[in-house]
Amino acid sequence: MPYQELELDHSKKFEKILKDSYMDPKEKVKYPPVAISMGSRGGLEDFPICIGTYGNFSFIQAPPKSRKTFLVSLLTSAYVSGSNEYVDQMKGHSNGKITIHYDTEQGEYHAQRVFNRTHRMANQKDSYKTYSLREYSPQERLEFIDWHINRVSNLGLVVIDGIADLINDVNDINASNELVQYLMKWTKELQIHIITVIHSNFNSTKPTGHLGSFLEKKTETQITVKVDEEDNDLTVVNCMRSRGQPFDKFSFTIKNGYPHIQEKIDLPDQSINF
């Protein structure tokens, strides 16, 4: 392409960015609409404590065998159904929007068990769509998700379990940064909330690799999950970081194959507000 044409093409692109990115500092910007909440401030329904809002993403980090997929079922079923017998104060604010759940790790049998459990917890709503992507390459998974979510009308929530399977190496700094840029682009342009899952480093509270570090920097809510050290039947969920008011730490147990949130537990708060 001749230099003059390339310069003109760049000029048009930057003019659009200039227009789209400008924010008037005098203008009042509304708080983004809530996708999933956990309780409310002062017990008032009009002031929910957000787990996630539209236009942002959150992520769950946990060591292996910490029951993180059960937490995914709690969050997703709450969003799809609005409220159900399993989620206590957790609430979804979907207003009928579509939920897409991608599993990248498990074979069909185990992925279907998770999908079916969530579907039943969500009162078997047809707005919950599920896909197993284990057999595909990281690049194919990423390209497919990008293609798919841009073609779904009335999309509200996207679950990606797990995000590390969309790149070849979580310690590749360029690929990790590019993947998180995708999350920010998808959530902004489509005005959806994305929940994703990543493992923790061994014997650490840090999510794995450069990918985990980029997620920490850009997320709205960082959620940790671990089995209680004193009671193996309890799984503890903590809001480690939040851009808003962090939700209270809670626990859940598994009864007849389904997670049930327990009453709030009185444990030291480890959350960081940023």
Foldseek 3Di string as FASTA:
>chain_A
DDPVVVVVVVVVVVVVVVVVVDDDPVDDDDDAAAFKFAAAVPRDPVGTHGPDGFLFEEEEEEAPPLCVLLVVLQRLLQQLQQDFQFNVRMGGDLVLAAEEEEAQDDDPVVQVLSVVQSCVRNVNDPSYHYYYRNVDQLCVVVVVVVVPVVPDPRHAEYEYEAPVRNDDDLQPLVVLLVSVVVNNVCRNVVRYYYYHYFYCDPPDPFGDHNNRVNCVVGHQWYKYWGQDPVDNQKIKIAGAEHQDDGDAIWIWGADPRHIHTDPGDDDDHNHDHD
